[in-house]
């Protein structure tokens, strides 16, 4: 067994400089991908529903372009 700890690769479905900075500040090197998701809130959509829908849409958007995950 290796004495070095291995971590799973992290895919960041965002190009937000702050999110990248936060992950790098933790010593992580995320694979950054720009998601293709419409972030317009739907009429009557609660904040909780909005963030859930966007998280899923962004994850699916970038996952389609990943070969080795």
PDB file of N, CA and C in Angstrom:
ATOM      1  N   UNK A   1       0.839  -1.178   0.000  1.00  0.00           N
ATOM      2  CA  UNK A   1       0.000   0.000   0.000  1.00  0.00           C
ATOM      3  C   UNK A   1       0.887   1.246   0.000  1.00  0.00           C
ATOM      4  N   UNK A   2       0.521   2.199  -0.806  1.00  0.00           N
ATOM      5  CA  UNK A   2       1.290   3.429  -0.927  1.00  0.00           C
ATOM      6  C   UNK A   2       1.148   4.275   0.340  1.00  0.00           C
ATOM      7  N   UNK A   3       2.243   4.946   0.706  1.00  0.00           N
ATOM      8  CA  UNK A   3       2.161   5.827   1.865  1.00  0.00           C
ATOM      9  C   UNK A   3       1.514   7.158   1.512  1.00  0.00           C
ATOM     10  N   UNK A   4       1.275   7.377   0.220  1.00  0.00           N
ATOM     11  CA  UNK A   4       0.640   8.605  -0.224  1.00  0.00           C
ATOM     12  C   UNK A   4      -0.850   8.378  -0.405  1.00  0.00           C
ATOM     13  N   UNK A   5      -1.594   9.308   0.041  1.00  0.00           N
ATOM     14  CA  UNK A   5      -3.039   9.222  -0.082  1.00  0.00           C
ATOM     15  C   UNK A   5      -3.450   9.658  -1.480  1.00  0.00           C
ATOM     16  N   UNK A   6      -4.332   8.924  -2.088  1.00  0.00           N
ATOM     17  CA  UNK A   6      -4.837   9.323  -3.396  1.00  0.00           C
ATOM     18  C   UNK A   6      -6.273   9.802  -3.254  1.00  0.00           C
ATOM     19  N   UNK A   7      -6.610  10.795  -4.002  1.00  0.00           N
ATOM     20  CA  UNK A   7      -7.940  11.375  -3.967  1.00  0.00           C
ATOM     21  C   UNK A   7      -8.591  11.212  -5.329  1.00  0.00           C
ATOM     22  N   UNK A   8      -9.904  11.097  -5.348  1.00  0.00           N
ATOM     23  CA  UNK A   8     -10.587  11.034  -6.641  1.00  0.00           C
ATOM     24  C   UNK A   8     -10.450  12.369  -7.363  1.00  0.00           C
ATOM     25  N   UNK A   9     -10.504  12.310  -8.669  1.00  0.00           N
ATOM     26  CA  UNK A   9     -10.463  13.559  -9.433  1.00  0.00           C
ATOM     27  C   UNK A   9     -11.757  14.322  -9.193  1.00  0.00           C
ATOM     28  N   UNK A  10     -11.628  15.603  -9.070  1.00  0.00           N
ATOM     29  CA  UNK A  10     -12.790  16.455  -8.865  1.00  0.00           C
ATOM     30  C   UNK A  10     -13.047  17.222 -10.147  1.00  0.00           C
ATOM     31  N   UNK A  11     -14.281  17.163 -10.606  1.00  0.00           N
ATOM     32  CA  UNK A  11     -14.689  17.919 -11.784  1.00  0.00           C
ATOM     33  C   UNK A  11     -15.534  19.079 -11.293  1.00  0.00           C
ATOM     34  N   UNK A  12     -15.119  20.289 -11.622  1.00  0.00           N
ATOM     35  CA  UNK A  12     -15.858  21.485 -11.251  1.00  0.00           C
ATOM     36  C   UNK A  12     -16.659  21.940 -12.456  1.00  0.00           C
ATOM     37  N   UNK A  13     -17.977  21.844 -12.353  1.00  0.00           N
ATOM     38  CA  UNK A  13     -18.860  22.245 -13.448  1.00  0.00           C
ATOM     39  C   UNK A  13     -19.172  23.729 -13.315  1.00  0.00           C
ATOM     40  N   UNK A  14     -18.116  24.518 -13.312  1.00  0.00           N
ATOM     41  CA  UNK A  14     -18.239  25.962 -13.141  1.00  0.00           C
ATOM     42  C   UNK A  14     -16.914  26.602 -13.528  1.00  0.00           C
ATOM     43  N   UNK A  15     -16.993  27.781 -14.081  1.00  0.00           N
ATOM     44  CA  UNK A  15     -15.757  28.519 -14.378  1.00  0.00           C
ATOM     45  C   UNK A  15     -15.595  29.694 -13.415  1.00  0.00           C
ATOM     46  N   UNK A  16     -16.307  29.641 -12.301  1.00  0.00           N
ATOM     47  CA  UNK A  16     -16.241  30.692 -11.297  1.00  0.00           C
ATOM     48  C   UNK A  16     -14.827  30.772 -10.717  1.00  0.00           C
ATOM     49  N   UNK A  17     -14.171  31.916 -10.875  1.00  0.00           N
ATOM     50  CA  UNK A  17     -12.820  32.054 -10.325  1.00  0.00           C
ATOM     51  C   UNK A  17     -12.770  31.804  -8.819  1.00  0.00           C
ATOM     52  N   UNK A  18     -13.801  32.193  -8.109  1.00  0.00           N
ATOM     53  CA  UNK A  18     -13.819  32.007  -6.652  1.00  0.00           C
ATOM     54  C   UNK A  18     -13.909  30.527  -6.284  1.00  0.00           C
ATOM     55  N   UNK A  19     -14.733  29.770  -6.996  1.00  0.00           N
ATOM     56  CA  UNK A  19     -14.847  28.337  -6.702  1.00  0.00           C
ATOM     57  C   UNK A  19     -13.531  27.620  -6.999  1.00  0.00           C
ATOM     58  N   UNK A  20     -12.903  27.998  -8.100  1.00  0.00           N
ATOM     59  CA  UNK A  20     -11.598  27.421  -8.442  1.00  0.00           C
ATOM     60  C   UNK A  20     -10.585  27.750  -7.351  1.00  0.00           C
ATOM     61  N   UNK A  21     -10.583  29.004  -6.933  1.00  0.00           N
ATOM     62  CA  UNK A  21      -9.654  29.447  -5.887  1.00  0.00           C
ATOM     63  C   UNK A  21      -9.872  28.694  -4.582  1.00  0.00           C
ATOM     64  N   UNK A  22     -11.126  28.489  -4.213  1.00  0.00           N
ATOM     65  CA  UNK A  22     -11.428  27.763  -2.970  1.00  0.00           C
ATOM     66  C   UNK A  22     -10.911  26.334  -3.016  1.00  0.00           C
ATOM     67  N   UNK A  23     -11.144  25.643  -4.121  1.00  0.00           N
ATOM     68  CA  UNK A  23     -10.665  24.261  -4.239  1.00  0.00           C
ATOM     69  C   UNK A  23      -9.144  24.198  -4.267  1.00  0.00           C
ATOM     70  N   UNK A  24      -8.523  25.116  -4.996  1.00  0.00           N
ATOM     71  CA  UNK A  24      -7.062  25.137  -5.042  1.00  0.00           C
ATOM     72  C   UNK A  24      -6.481  25.479  -3.675  1.00  0.00           C
ATOM     73  N   UNK A  25      -7.176  26.300  -2.910  1.00  0.00           N
ATOM     74  CA  UNK A  25      -6.739  26.633  -1.557  1.00  0.00           C
ATOM     75  C   UNK A  25      -6.739  25.426  -0.634  1.00  0.00           C
ATOM     76  N   UNK A  26      -7.527  24.425  -0.990  1.00  0.00           N
ATOM     77  CA  UNK A  26      -7.560  23.172  -0.227  1.00  0.00           C
ATOM     78  C   UNK A  26      -6.525  22.175  -0.737  1.00  0.00           C
ATOM     79  N   UNK A  27      -5.726  22.611  -1.715  1.00  0.00           N
ATOM     80  CA  UNK A  27      -4.711  21.724  -2.276  1.00  0.00           C
ATOM     81  C   UNK A  27      -5.233  20.818  -3.374  1.00  0.00           C
ATOM     82  N   UNK A  28      -6.426  21.105  -3.872  1.00  0.00           N
ATOM     83  CA  UNK A  28      -7.028  20.289  -4.923  1.00  0.00           C
ATOM     84  C   UNK A  28      -6.784  20.917  -6.286  1.00  0.00           C
ATOM     85  N   UNK A  29      -6.768  20.084  -7.290  1.00  0.00           N
ATOM     86  CA  UNK A  29      -6.578  20.558  -8.658  1.00  0.00           C
ATOM     87  C   UNK A  29      -7.764  20.061  -9.487  1.00  0.00           C
ATOM     88  N   UNK A  30      -8.870  20.810  -9.434  1.00  0.00           N
ATOM     89  CA  UNK A  30     -10.063  20.336 -10.124  1.00  0.00           C
ATOM     90  C   UNK A  30      -9.927  20.415 -11.641  1.00  0.00           C
ATOM     91  N   UNK A  31     -10.616  19.515 -12.293  1.00  0.00           N
ATOM     92  CA  UNK A  31     -10.763  19.575 -13.735  1.00  0.00           C
ATOM     93  C   UNK A  31     -11.927  20.525 -13.967  1.00  0.00           C
ATOM     94  N   UNK A  32     -11.660  21.685 -14.568  1.00  0.00           N
ATOM     95  CA  UNK A  32     -12.675  22.730 -14.718  1.00  0.00           C
ATOM     96  C   UNK A  32     -13.345  22.614 -16.078  1.00  0.00           C
ATOM     97  N   UNK A  33     -14.668  22.539 -16.054  1.00  0.00           N
ATOM     98  CA  UNK A  33     -15.451  22.464 -17.276  1.00  0.00           C
ATOM     99  C   UNK A  33     -16.566  23.504 -17.214  1.00  0.00           C
ATOM    100  N   UNK A  34     -16.824  24.135 -18.331  1.00  0.00           N
ATOM    101  CA  UNK A  34     -17.885  25.127 -18.422  1.00  0.00           C
ATOM    102  C   UNK A  34     -19.200  24.435 -18.777  1.00  0.00           C
ATOM    103  N   UNK A  35     -20.173  24.494 -17.891  1.00  0.00           N
ATOM    104  CA  UNK A  35     -21.436  23.817 -18.169  1.00  0.00           C
ATOM    105  C   UNK A  35     -22.310  24.613 -19.134  1.00  0.00           C
ATOM    106  N   UNK A  36     -23.157  23.906 -19.827  1.00  0.00           N
ATOM    107  CA  UNK A  36     -24.121  24.532 -20.713  1.00  0.00           C
ATOM    108  C   UNK A  36     -25.488  24.343 -20.077  1.00  0.00           C
ATOM    109  N   UNK A  37     -25.886  25.303 -19.253  1.00  0.00           N
ATOM    110  CA  UNK A  37     -27.159  25.199 -18.538  1.00  0.00           C
ATOM    111  C   UNK A  37     -27.801  26.574 -18.449  1.00  0.00           C
ATOM    112  N   UNK A  38     -29.073  26.631 -18.737  1.00  0.00           N
ATOM    113  CA  UNK A  38     -29.823  27.876 -18.624  1.00  0.00           C
ATOM    114  C   UNK A  38     -30.108  28.127 -17.148  1.00  0.00           C
ATOM    115  N   UNK A  39     -29.579  29.217 -16.621  1.00  0.00           N
ATOM    116  CA  UNK A  39     -29.713  29.510 -15.195  1.00  0.00           C
ATOM    117  C   UNK A  39     -30.895  30.417 -14.877  1.00  0.00           C
ATOM    118  N   UNK A  40     -31.764  30.618 -15.838  1.00  0.00           N
ATOM    119  CA  UNK A  40     -32.933  31.460 -15.619  1.00  0.00           C
ATOM    120  C   UNK A  40     -33.924  30.759 -14.691  1.00  0.00           C
ATOM    121  N   UNK A  41     -34.298  31.418 -13.592  1.00  0.00           N
ATOM    122  CA  UNK A  41     -35.282  30.804 -12.705  1.00  0.00           C
ATOM    123  C   UNK A  41     -36.623  30.640 -13.425  1.00  0.00           C
ATOM    124  N   UNK A  42     -37.315  29.556 -13.121  1.00  0.00           N
ATOM    125  CA  UNK A  42     -38.644  29.326 -13.677  1.00  0.00           C
ATOM    126  C   UNK A  42     -39.675  30.027 -12.811  1.00  0.00           C
ATOM    127  N   UNK A  43     -40.753  30.427 -13.430  1.00  0.00           N
ATOM    128  CA  UNK A  43     -41.805  31.127 -12.702  1.00  0.00           C
ATOM    129  C   UNK A  43     -42.276  30.271 -11.529  1.00  0.00           C
ATOM    130  N   UNK A  44     -42.251  30.860 -10.331  1.00  0.00           N
ATOM    131  CA  UNK A  44     -42.723  30.171  -9.138  1.00  0.00           C
ATOM    132  C   UNK A  44     -41.741  29.169  -8.552  1.00  0.00           C
ATOM    133  N   UNK A  45     -40.559  29.068  -9.148  1.00  0.00           N
ATOM    134  CA  UNK A  45     -39.568  28.095  -8.675  1.00  0.00           C
ATOM    135  C   UNK A  45     -38.928  28.589  -7.376  1.00  0.00           C
ATOM    136  N   UNK A  46     -38.903  27.741  -6.382  1.00  0.00           N
ATOM    137  CA  UNK A  46     -38.303  28.124  -5.096  1.00  0.00           C
ATOM    138  C   UNK A  46     -36.778  28.135  -5.242  1.00  0.00           C
ATOM    139  N   UNK A  47     -36.099  28.871  -4.381  1.00  0.00           N
ATOM    140  CA  UNK A  47     -34.628  28.868  -4.429  1.00  0.00           C
ATOM    141  C   UNK A  47     -34.045  27.454  -4.303  1.00  0.00           C
ATOM    142  N   UNK A  48     -34.634  26.632  -3.439  1.00  0.00           N
ATOM    143  CA  UNK A  48     -34.159  25.261  -3.256  1.00  0.00           C
ATOM    144  C   UNK A  48     -34.312  24.449  -4.552  1.00  0.00           C
ATOM    145  N   UNK A  49     -35.458  24.592  -5.191  1.00  0.00           N
ATOM    146  CA  UNK A  49     -35.703  23.870  -6.438  1.00  0.00           C
ATOM    147  C   UNK A  49     -34.764  24.371  -7.542  1.00  0.00           C
ATOM    148  N   UNK A  50     -34.525  25.671  -7.568  1.00  0.00           N
ATOM    149  CA  UNK A  50     -33.625  26.254  -8.573  1.00  0.00           C
ATOM    150  C   UNK A  50     -32.221  25.682  -8.444  1.00  0.00           C
ATOM    151  N   UNK A  51     -31.649  25.704  -7.247  1.00  0.00           N
ATOM    152  CA  UNK A  51     -30.271  25.227  -7.097  1.00  0.00           C
ATOM    153  C   UNK A  51     -30.165  23.725  -7.356  1.00  0.00           C
ATOM    154  N   UNK A  52     -31.202  22.988  -6.987  1.00  0.00           N
ATOM    155  CA  UNK A  52     -31.197  21.543  -7.261  1.00  0.00           C
ATOM    156  C   UNK A  52     -31.235  21.274  -8.759  1.00  0.00           C
ATOM    157  N   UNK A  53     -32.114  21.989  -9.466  1.00  0.00           N
ATOM    158  CA  UNK A  53     -32.233  21.808 -10.914  1.00  0.00           C
ATOM    159  C   UNK A  53     -30.943  22.206 -11.617  1.00  0.00           C
ATOM    160  N   UNK A  54     -30.363  23.334 -11.208  1.00  0.00           N
ATOM    161  CA  UNK A  54     -29.130  23.798 -11.852  1.00  0.00           C
ATOM    162  C   UNK A  54     -27.955  22.863 -11.571  1.00  0.00           C
ATOM    163  N   UNK A  55     -27.856  22.360 -10.357  1.00  0.00           N
ATOM    164  CA  UNK A  55     -26.765  21.434 -10.026  1.00  0.00           C
ATOM    165  C   UNK A  55     -26.836  20.194 -10.910  1.00  0.00           C
ATOM    166  N   UNK A  56     -28.021  19.648 -11.071  1.00  0.00           N
ATOM    167  CA  UNK A  56     -28.181  18.462 -11.908  1.00  0.00           C
ATOM    168  C   UNK A  56     -27.906  18.781 -13.380  1.00  0.00           C
ATOM    169  N   UNK A  57     -28.438  19.895 -13.868  1.00  0.00           N
ATOM    170  CA  UNK A  57     -28.240  20.273 -15.269  1.00  0.00           C
ATOM    171  C   UNK A  57     -26.762  20.495 -15.577  1.00  0.00           C
ATOM    172  N   UNK A  58     -26.044  21.128 -14.674  1.00  0.00           N
ATOM    173  CA  UNK A  58     -24.615  21.382 -14.884  1.00  0.00           C
ATOM    174  C   UNK A  58     -23.823  20.081 -14.833  1.00  0.00           C
ATOM    175  N   UNK A  59     -24.161  19.217 -13.900  1.00  0.00           N
ATOM    176  CA  UNK A  59     -23.455  17.935 -13.796  1.00  0.00           C
ATOM    177  C   UNK A  59     -23.656  17.104 -15.060  1.00  0.00           C
ATOM    178  N   UNK A  60     -24.873  17.029 -15.533  1.00  0.00           N
ATOM    179  CA  UNK A  60     -25.158  16.260 -16.747  1.00  0.00           C
ATOM    180  C   UNK A  60     -24.456  16.887 -17.948  1.00  0.00           C
ATOM    181  N   UNK A  61     -24.457  18.203 -18.013  1.00  0.00           N
ATOM    182  CA  UNK A  61     -23.836  18.907 -19.126  1.00  0.00           C
ATOM    183  C   UNK A  61     -22.347  18.587 -19.255  1.00  0.00           C
ATOM    184  N   UNK A  62     -21.635  18.604 -18.154  1.00  0.00           N
ATOM    185  CA  UNK A  62     -20.190  18.346 -18.237  1.00  0.00           C
ATOM    186  C   UNK A  62     -19.866  16.863 -18.258  1.00  0.00           C
ATOM    187  N   UNK A  63     -20.728  16.032 -17.664  1.00  0.00           N
ATOM    188  CA  UNK A  63     -20.475  14.588 -17.634  1.00  0.00           C
ATOM    189  C   UNK A  63     -20.479  14.000 -19.037  1.00  0.00           C
ATOM    190  N   UNK A  64     -21.298  14.541 -19.910  1.00  0.00           N
ATOM    191  CA  UNK A  64     -21.365  14.036 -21.282  1.00  0.00           C
ATOM    192  C   UNK A  64     -20.027  14.152 -21.994  1.00  0.00           C
ATOM    193  N   UNK A  65     -19.183  15.095 -21.586  1.00  0.00           N
ATOM    194  CA  UNK A  65     -17.901  15.301 -22.245  1.00  0.00           C
ATOM    195  C   UNK A  65     -16.724  14.608 -21.582  1.00  0.00           C
ATOM    196  N   UNK A  66     -16.976  13.820 -20.549  1.00  0.00           N
ATOM    197  CA  UNK A  66     -15.907  13.148 -19.821  1.00  0.00           C
ATOM    198  C   UNK A  66     -15.835  11.692 -20.260  1.00  0.00           C
ATOM    199  N   UNK A  67     -14.655  11.265 -20.623  1.00  0.00           N
ATOM    200  CA  UNK A  67     -14.490   9.889 -21.115  1.00  0.00           C
ATOM    201  C   UNK A  67     -14.119   8.893 -20.034  1.00  0.00           C
ATOM    202  N   UNK A  68     -13.337   9.308 -19.047  1.00  0.00           N
ATOM    203  CA  UNK A  68     -12.773   8.342 -18.112  1.00  0.00           C
ATOM    204  C   UNK A  68     -13.362   8.387 -16.710  1.00  0.00           C
ATOM    205  N   UNK A  69     -14.594   8.809 -16.575  1.00  0.00           N
ATOM    206  CA  UNK A  69     -15.211   8.836 -15.251  1.00  0.00           C
ATOM    207  C   UNK A  69     -16.354   7.873 -15.211  1.00  0.00           C
TER     208      UNK A  69
END
